[in-house]
C-alpha atoms as a PDB file:
ATOM      1  CA  MET A   1     120.596 106.109 105.116  1.00  0.00           C
ATOM      2  CA  GLY A   2     116.950 105.950 104.211  1.00  0.00           C
ATOM      3  CA  CYS A   3     113.826 105.493 106.279  1.00  0.00           C
ATOM      4  CA  LYS A   4     110.041 105.276 106.162  1.00  0.00           C
ATOM      5  CA  LEU A   5     107.704 106.197 109.019  1.00  0.00           C
ATOM      6  CA  THR A   6     104.190 104.749 108.925  1.00  0.00           C
ATOM      7  CA  VAL A   7     101.243 105.785 111.105  1.00  0.00           C
ATOM      8  CA  GLU A   8      98.465 103.193 111.046  1.00  0.00           C
ATOM      9  CA  ALA A   9      94.899 104.463 111.186  1.00  0.00           C
ATOM     10  CA  THR A  10      92.714 103.103 113.995  1.00  0.00           C
ATOM     11  CA  ARG A  11      89.436 101.362 113.245  1.00  0.00           C
ATOM     12  CA  PRO A  12      86.074 102.918 114.161  1.00  0.00           C
ATOM     13  CA  GLY A  13      85.318 102.471 117.840  1.00  0.00           C
ATOM     14  CA  SER A  14      88.886 101.510 118.734  1.00  0.00           C
ATOM     15  CA  HIS A  15      90.417 103.039 121.852  1.00  0.00           C
ATOM     16  CA  HIS A  16      93.900 101.763 121.099  1.00  0.00           C
ATOM     17  CA  PRO A  17      96.635 104.278 120.219  1.00  0.00           C
ATOM     18  CA  ASN A  18      97.891 104.523 116.677  1.00  0.00           C
ATOM     19  CA  THR A  19     100.761 102.205 115.824  1.00  0.00           C
ATOM     20  CA  LEU A  20     103.929 103.817 114.445  1.00  0.00           C
ATOM     21  CA  VAL A  21     106.406 101.759 112.441  1.00  0.00           C
ATOM     22  CA  LEU A  22     109.877 102.983 111.491  1.00  0.00           C
ATOM     23  CA  LEU A  23     111.578 101.005 108.733  1.00  0.00           C
ATOM     24  CA  GLY A  24     114.964 101.972 107.384  1.00  0.00           C
ATOM     25  CA  GLN A  25     118.329 100.943 106.056  1.00  0.00           C
ATOM     26  CA  LEU A  26     121.871 102.173 106.494  1.00  0.00           C
ATOM     27  CA  ARG A  27     125.057 101.350 104.667  1.00  0.00           C
ATOM     28  CA  GLY A  28     127.061 101.013 107.833  1.00  0.00           C
ATOM     29  CA  THR A  29     127.288  99.160 111.130  1.00  0.00           C
ATOM     30  CA  GLU A  30     124.637  98.467 113.761  1.00  0.00           C
ATOM     31  CA  GLU A  31     126.516 100.771 116.120  1.00  0.00           C
ATOM     32  CA  GLU A  32     126.308 103.611 113.597  1.00  0.00           C
ATOM     33  CA  ALA A  33     122.584 103.012 113.119  1.00  0.00           C
ATOM     34  CA  LEU A  34     121.894 103.082 116.863  1.00  0.00           C
ATOM     35  CA  ALA A  35     123.940 106.262 117.227  1.00  0.00           C
ATOM     36  CA  ILE A  36     121.796 107.975 114.598  1.00  0.00           C
ATOM     37  CA  LEU A  37     118.591 106.737 116.235  1.00  0.00           C
ATOM     38  CA  GLY A  38     119.803 107.587 119.729  1.00  0.00           C
ATOM     39  CA  PRO A  39     118.000 110.948 120.097  1.00  0.00           C
ATOM     40  CA  ALA A  40     114.673 109.434 119.008  1.00  0.00           C
ATOM     41  CA  LEU A  41     115.090 106.364 121.234  1.00  0.00           C
ATOM     42  CA  GLY A  42     115.834 108.717 124.113  1.00  0.00           C
ATOM     43  CA  VAL A  43     112.371 110.234 123.760  1.00  0.00           C
ATOM     44  CA  ALA A  44     110.417 106.976 123.666  1.00  0.00           C
ATOM     45  CA  ALA A  45     111.468 103.351 123.596  1.00  0.00           C
ATOM     46  CA  PRO A  46     109.760 101.241 120.913  1.00  0.00           C
ATOM     47  CA  ALA A  47     107.542  98.305 121.827  1.00  0.00           C
ATOM     48  CA  SER A  48     109.844  96.128 119.731  1.00  0.00           C
ATOM     49  CA  ARG A  49     113.054  96.650 117.801  1.00  0.00           C
ATOM     50  CA  THR A  50     114.937  94.593 115.248  1.00  0.00           C
ATOM     51  CA  VAL A  51     118.310  95.395 113.692  1.00  0.00           C
ATOM     52  CA  GLN A  52     119.682  93.049 111.053  1.00  0.00           C
ATOM     53  CA  ALA A  53     122.832  93.002 108.944  1.00  0.00           C
ATOM     54  CA  ARG A  54     122.113  91.855 105.384  1.00  0.00           C
ATOM     55  CA  ARG A  55     123.899  91.771 102.068  1.00  0.00           C
ATOM     56  CA  TYR A  56     122.675  94.279  99.514  1.00  0.00           C
ATOM     57  CA  TRP A  57     120.335  92.055  97.480  1.00  0.00           C
ATOM     58  CA  ASP A  58     119.008  90.319 100.581  1.00  0.00           C
ATOM     59  CA  GLY A  59     118.171  93.773 101.918  1.00  0.00           C
ATOM     60  CA  GLN A  60     116.435  94.702  98.680  1.00  0.00           C
ATOM     61  CA  CYS A  61     114.251  91.594  98.881  1.00  0.00           C
ATOM     62  CA  PHE A  62     113.459  92.289 102.536  1.00  0.00           C
ATOM     63  CA  LEU A  63     112.320  95.853 101.771  1.00  0.00           C
ATOM     64  CA  SER A  64     110.310  94.981  98.642  1.00  0.00           C
ATOM     65  CA  ASP A  65     106.506  94.942  98.595  1.00  0.00           C
ATOM     66  CA  VAL A  66     105.540  91.563  97.198  1.00  0.00           C
ATOM     67  CA  GLY A  67     102.005  90.589  96.207  1.00  0.00           C
ATOM     68  CA  GLY A  68      99.460  90.283  93.481  1.00  0.00           C
ATOM     69  CA  PRO A  69      96.845  92.762  92.271  1.00  0.00           C
ATOM     70  CA  ALA A  70      95.053  94.591  95.080  1.00  0.00           C
ATOM     71  CA  ARG A  71      92.353  97.179  95.657  1.00  0.00           C
ATOM     72  CA  TYR A  72      94.071 100.315  96.877  1.00  0.00           C
ATOM     73  CA  GLN A  73      94.642 104.012  96.266  1.00  0.00           C
ATOM     74  CA  GLU A  74      97.524 106.249  97.291  1.00  0.00           C
ATOM     75  CA  THR A  75      98.085 109.979  97.535  1.00  0.00           C
ATOM     76  CA  SER A  76     101.422 111.757  97.850  1.00  0.00           C
ATOM     77  CA  ARG A  77     102.855 115.146  98.760  1.00  0.00           C
ATOM     78  CA  TYR A  78     106.428 116.392  99.052  1.00  0.00           C
ATOM     79  CA  CYS A  79     107.312 118.814 101.825  1.00  0.00           C
ATOM     80  CA  GLY A  80     110.232 120.420 103.604  1.00  0.00           C
ATOM     81  CA  LEU A  81     110.703 119.880 107.325  1.00  0.00           C
ATOM     82  CA  PHE A  82     107.456 118.324 108.520  1.00  0.00           C
ATOM     83  CA  PRO A  83     105.605 121.143 110.320  1.00  0.00           C
ATOM     84  CA  GLU A  84     104.683 120.602 113.961  1.00  0.00           C
ATOM     85  CA  ARG A  85     101.273 122.127 113.303  1.00  0.00           C
ATOM     86  CA  ALA A  86     100.487 119.151 111.078  1.00  0.00           C
ATOM     87  CA  VAL A  87     101.149 116.486 113.725  1.00  0.00           C
ATOM     88  CA  ASP A  88      97.873 116.902 115.632  1.00  0.00           C
ATOM     89  CA  GLU A  89      95.909 116.962 112.386  1.00  0.00           C
ATOM     90  CA  LEU A  90      97.703 113.825 111.188  1.00  0.00           C
ATOM     91  CA  PHE A  91      96.666 111.839 114.252  1.00  0.00           C
ATOM     92  CA  ARG A  92      93.162 113.297 114.283  1.00  0.00           C
ATOM     93  CA  ARG A  93      92.617 112.146 110.712  1.00  0.00           C
ATOM     94  CA  CYS A  94      94.070 108.707 111.422  1.00  0.00           C
ATOM     95  CA  ARG A  95      91.584 108.342 114.276  1.00  0.00           C
ATOM     96  CA  SER A  96      88.583 109.327 112.146  1.00  0.00           C
ATOM     97  CA  TRP A  97      89.001 106.586 109.513  1.00  0.00           C
ATOM     98  CA  PRO A  98      85.601 105.192 108.429  1.00  0.00           C
ATOM     99  CA  GLY A  99      87.177 101.745 108.113  1.00  0.00           C
ATOM    100  CA  THR A 100      87.406  99.049 105.440  1.00  0.00           C
ATOM    101  CA  THR A 101      88.220  95.353 105.531  1.00  0.00           C
ATOM    102  CA  GLY A 102      91.732  96.417 104.518  1.00  0.00           C
ATOM    103  CA  GLU A 103      93.874  99.106 106.129  1.00  0.00           C
ATOM    104  CA  ALA A 104      94.707 102.805 105.994  1.00  0.00           C
ATOM    105  CA  LEU A 105      98.088 104.452 106.554  1.00  0.00           C
ATOM    106  CA  PHE A 106      99.910 107.765 106.558  1.00  0.00           C
ATOM    107  CA  LYS A 107     103.469 107.365 105.284  1.00  0.00           C
ATOM    108  CA  MET A 108     106.604 109.516 105.345  1.00  0.00           C
ATOM    109  CA  PHE A 109     109.649 108.635 103.239  1.00  0.00           C
ATOM    110  CA  GLN A 110     112.954 110.377 103.913  1.00  0.00           C
ATOM    111  CA  ALA A 111     114.170 112.510 101.015  1.00  0.00           C
ATOM    112  CA  GLY A 112     116.997 115.076 100.804  1.00  0.00           C
ATOM    113  CA  GLY A 113     120.584 113.947 101.301  1.00  0.00           C
ATOM    114  CA  ARG A 114     122.286 112.471  98.246  1.00  0.00           C
ATOM    115  CA  ILE A 115     119.103 112.998  96.212  1.00  0.00           C
ATOM    116  CA  ARG A 116     120.301 116.596  95.916  1.00  0.00           C
ATOM    117  CA  ALA A 117     123.616 115.592  94.344  1.00  0.00           C
ATOM    118  CA  ILE A 118     121.931 116.056  90.938  1.00  0.00           C
ATOM    119  CA  ALA A 119     120.222 119.336  90.100  1.00  0.00           C
ATOM    120  CA  ALA A 120     116.477 119.243  89.445  1.00  0.00           C
ATOM    121  CA  GLN A 121     116.913 120.415  85.843  1.00  0.00           C
ATOM    122  CA  ASP A 122     119.520 117.734  85.088  1.00  0.00           C
ATOM    123  CA  SER A 123     117.103 114.795  85.167  1.00  0.00           C
ATOM    124  CA  ALA A 124     113.394 114.068  84.808  1.00  0.00           C
ATOM    125  CA  PHE A 125     112.948 113.984  88.604  1.00  0.00           C
ATOM    126  CA  VAL A 126     112.298 117.505  89.873  1.00  0.00           C
ATOM    127  CA  HIS A 127     111.566 117.193  93.624  1.00  0.00           C
ATOM    128  CA  ARG A 128     115.166 117.172  94.832  1.00  0.00           C
ATOM    129  CA  GLU A 129     114.897 119.878  97.490  1.00  0.00           C
ATOM    130  CA  ALA A 130     112.190 118.124  99.532  1.00  0.00           C
ATOM    131  CA  GLU A 131     112.935 116.698 102.972  1.00  0.00           C
ATOM    132  CA  TRP A 132     110.037 114.232 102.994  1.00  0.00           C
ATOM    133  CA  LEU A 133     107.651 112.446 100.676  1.00  0.00           C
ATOM    134  CA  THR A 134     104.399 111.973 102.564  1.00  0.00           C
ATOM    135  CA  GLY A 135     101.141 110.343 101.596  1.00  0.00           C
ATOM    136  CA  THR A 136      98.171 108.181 102.448  1.00  0.00           C
ATOM    137  CA  ALA A 137      97.385 104.606 101.470  1.00  0.00           C
ATOM    138  CA  LEU A 138      93.898 103.119 101.536  1.00  0.00           C
ATOM    139  CA  VAL A 139      93.316  99.384 101.017  1.00  0.00           C
ATOM    140  CA  TRP A 140      89.968  97.626 100.653  1.00  0.00           C
ATOM    141  CA  THR A 141      88.625  94.264  99.511  1.00  0.00           C
ATOM    142  CA  GLU A 142      85.672  92.887  97.569  1.00  0.00           C
ATOM    143  CA  ARG A 143      83.794  92.614 100.878  1.00  0.00           C
ATOM    144  CA  ASP A 144      83.503  96.407 101.165  1.00  0.00           C
ATOM    145  CA  SER A 145      80.304  97.892  99.773  1.00  0.00           C
ATOM    146  CA  SER A 146      80.342 100.721  97.242  1.00  0.00           C
ATOM    147  CA  ARG A 147      78.838 103.004  99.894  1.00  0.00           C
ATOM    148  CA  ARG A 148      81.614 102.220 102.350  1.00  0.00           C
ATOM    149  CA  LEU A 149      84.219 102.681  99.635  1.00  0.00           C
ATOM    150  CA  ARG A 150      82.876 106.127  98.693  1.00  0.00           C
ATOM    151  CA  ALA A 151      83.041 107.210 102.335  1.00  0.00           C
ATOM    152  CA  ASN A 152      86.625 106.000 102.623  1.00  0.00           C
ATOM    153  CA  LEU A 153      87.762 107.638  99.402  1.00  0.00           C
ATOM    154  CA  ALA A 154      86.196 110.921 100.549  1.00  0.00           C
ATOM    155  CA  TRP A 155      88.026 110.577 103.887  1.00  0.00           C
ATOM    156  CA  GLN A 156      91.293 109.967 102.065  1.00  0.00           C
ATOM    157  CA  ARG A 157      90.864 112.980  99.769  1.00  0.00           C
ATOM    158  CA  GLU A 158      89.995 115.271 102.681  1.00  0.00           C
ATOM    159  CA  PHE A 159      92.982 113.893 104.615  1.00  0.00           C
ATOM    160  CA  HIS A 160      95.319 114.604 101.690  1.00  0.00           C
ATOM    161  CA  ASP A 161      93.966 118.120 101.127  1.00  0.00           C
ATOM    162  CA  ALA A 162      94.163 119.040 104.822  1.00  0.00           C
ATOM    163  CA  MET A 163      97.767 117.887 105.127  1.00  0.00           C
ATOM    164  CA  ALA A 164      98.762 119.578 101.870  1.00  0.00           C
ATOM    165  CA  GLU A 165      97.422 122.887 103.152  1.00  0.00           C
ATOM    166  CA  LEU A 166      99.375 122.564 106.396  1.00  0.00           C
ATOM    167  CA  MET A 167     102.608 121.457 104.695  1.00  0.00           C
ATOM    168  CA  GLY A 168     102.673 124.269 102.148  1.00  0.00           C
ATOM    169  CA  PRO A 169     104.006 124.150  98.565  1.00  0.00           C
ATOM    170  CA  GLY A 170     105.057 120.757  97.257  1.00  0.00           C
ATOM    171  CA  GLY A 171     104.502 118.406  94.367  1.00  0.00           C
ATOM    172  CA  SER A 172     103.549 114.736  94.142  1.00  0.00           C
ATOM    173  CA  TYR A 173     105.303 111.478  93.244  1.00  0.00           C
ATOM    174  CA  GLN A 174     104.367 109.937  89.900  1.00  0.00           C
ATOM    175  CA  ASN A 175     105.053 106.407  91.155  1.00  0.00           C
ATOM    176  CA  PHE A 176     102.038 106.785  93.472  1.00  0.00           C
ATOM    177  CA  PRO A 177      99.359 107.470  90.810  1.00  0.00           C
ATOM    178  CA  ASP A 178      96.472 109.437  92.294  1.00  0.00           C
ATOM    179  CA  PRO A 179      93.371 109.617  90.060  1.00  0.00           C
ATOM    180  CA  GLY A 180      91.922 112.433  92.180  1.00  0.00           C
ATOM    181  CA  LEU A 181      94.993 114.659  91.985  1.00  0.00           C
ATOM    182  CA  ARG A 182      94.343 118.106  90.558  1.00  0.00           C
ATOM    183  CA  ASP A 183      96.834 119.350  87.909  1.00  0.00           C
ATOM    184  CA  ALA A 184      98.631 116.003  88.002  1.00  0.00           C
ATOM    185  CA  ALA A 185     101.258 116.853  85.367  1.00  0.00           C
ATOM    186  CA  VAL A 186     102.304 120.010  87.218  1.00  0.00           C
ATOM    187  CA  ALA A 187     102.311 118.209  90.579  1.00  0.00           C
ATOM    188  CA  TYR A 188     104.471 115.379  89.241  1.00  0.00           C
ATOM    189  CA  TYR A 189     106.942 117.237  87.002  1.00  0.00           C
ATOM    190  CA  GLY A 190     106.956 120.865  88.176  1.00  0.00           C
ATOM    191  CA  ALA A 191     109.496 123.104  86.443  1.00  0.00           C
ATOM    192  CA  ASN A 192     110.635 120.200  84.246  1.00  0.00           C
ATOM    193  CA  LEU A 193     107.224 119.750  82.615  1.00  0.00           C
ATOM    194  CA  ALA A 194     107.760 121.837  79.462  1.00  0.00           C
ATOM    195  CA  ARG A 195     111.067 120.104  78.655  1.00  0.00           C
ATOM    196  CA  LEU A 196     109.614 116.650  79.356  1.00  0.00           C
ATOM    197  CA  ARG A 197     106.723 117.365  77.000  1.00  0.00           C
ATOM    198  CA  GLU A 198     109.210 118.096  74.229  1.00  0.00           C
ATOM    199  CA  VAL A 199     110.992 114.803  74.944  1.00  0.00           C
ATOM    200  CA  LYS A 200     107.700 112.933  75.026  1.00  0.00           C
ATOM    201  CA  ARG A 201     106.660 114.202  71.589  1.00  0.00           C
ATOM    202  CA  ALA A 202     110.061 113.345  70.145  1.00  0.00           C
ATOM    203  CA  VAL A 203     110.462 109.794  71.454  1.00  0.00           C
ATOM    204  CA  ASP A 204     106.829 108.642  71.832  1.00  0.00           C
ATOM    205  CA  PRO A 205     104.702 110.515  69.277  1.00  0.00           C
ATOM    206  CA  THR A 206     102.038 107.778  69.183  1.00  0.00           C
ATOM    207  CA  GLY A 207     101.503 107.720  72.949  1.00  0.00           C
ATOM    208  CA  THR A 208     102.609 104.149  73.581  1.00  0.00           C
ATOM    209  CA  PHE A 209     103.674 105.055  77.117  1.00  0.00           C
ATOM    210  CA  THR A 210     100.710 107.146  78.208  1.00  0.00           C
ATOM    211  CA  PRO A 211      99.274 106.408  81.664  1.00  0.00           C
ATOM    212  CA  PRO A 212      95.470 106.322  82.096  1.00  0.00           C
ATOM    213  CA  ARG A 213      93.297 108.832  83.938  1.00  0.00           C
ATOM    214  CA  GLY A 214      95.150 111.958  82.873  1.00  0.00           C
ATOM    215  CA  GLN A 215      98.330 111.076  84.766  1.00  0.00           C
ATOM    216  CA  GLY A 216     100.785 111.491  81.892  1.00  0.00           C
ATOM    217  CA  ILE A 217     103.170 114.271  80.941  1.00  0.00           C
ATOM    218  CA  LEU A 218     100.759 115.682  78.340  1.00  0.00           C
ATOM    219  CA  ALA A 219      97.796 115.693  80.745  1.00  0.00           C
ATOM    220  CA  GLY A 220      96.029 119.030  81.034  1.00  0.00           C
ATOM    221  CA  GLU A 221      98.049 120.623  78.253  1.00  0.00           C
ATOM    222  CA  ASN A 222      94.979 121.937  76.472  1.00  0.00           C
ATOM    223  CA  ALA A 223      92.878 122.555  79.569  1.00  0.00           C
END
């Protein structure tokens, strides 16, 4: 089973509650899925609910993000069990969004489980003990002024830093490149960084596969 919980930020001046969306998949039956969700559904019934049975590739297409180039920025942070002390701060931040012509979200992806079947040192991916991958997503369009964009990016960075402090130690996910991330190589690769640097020098000495903005494995090596 895997799932993603999204909390949508509310626009300035809005008095509506934040919308929560739970999206997930299970290799099993609808009855098994509802049994797993039973405790949560017993707390609060959703405004709407859809359960579908799909073949594997149909499910993959359904869950895929499809679209062309966009203006957006993401942050990410791994954590253990999501701390209760962070819940109030999460909603407070989502209700203080400056607003763009796009959207802003806080996301939580389920981790743990079978991800831990492989030890951290046995692959490039190091964050195998985490329970959740959390993060923010900010989307804007060409209609947003540079002043508005700066305010939103500052809000996003402060949001990320506040949640990181409350969640405690944890790295970041390299598939969500964050140009404002401090010590990106350490955050992405953790204890595997030294070994991955050796591999990088051996198989890509000319830097063909080097991400921009200091996001690569060799970033910060000489800092």
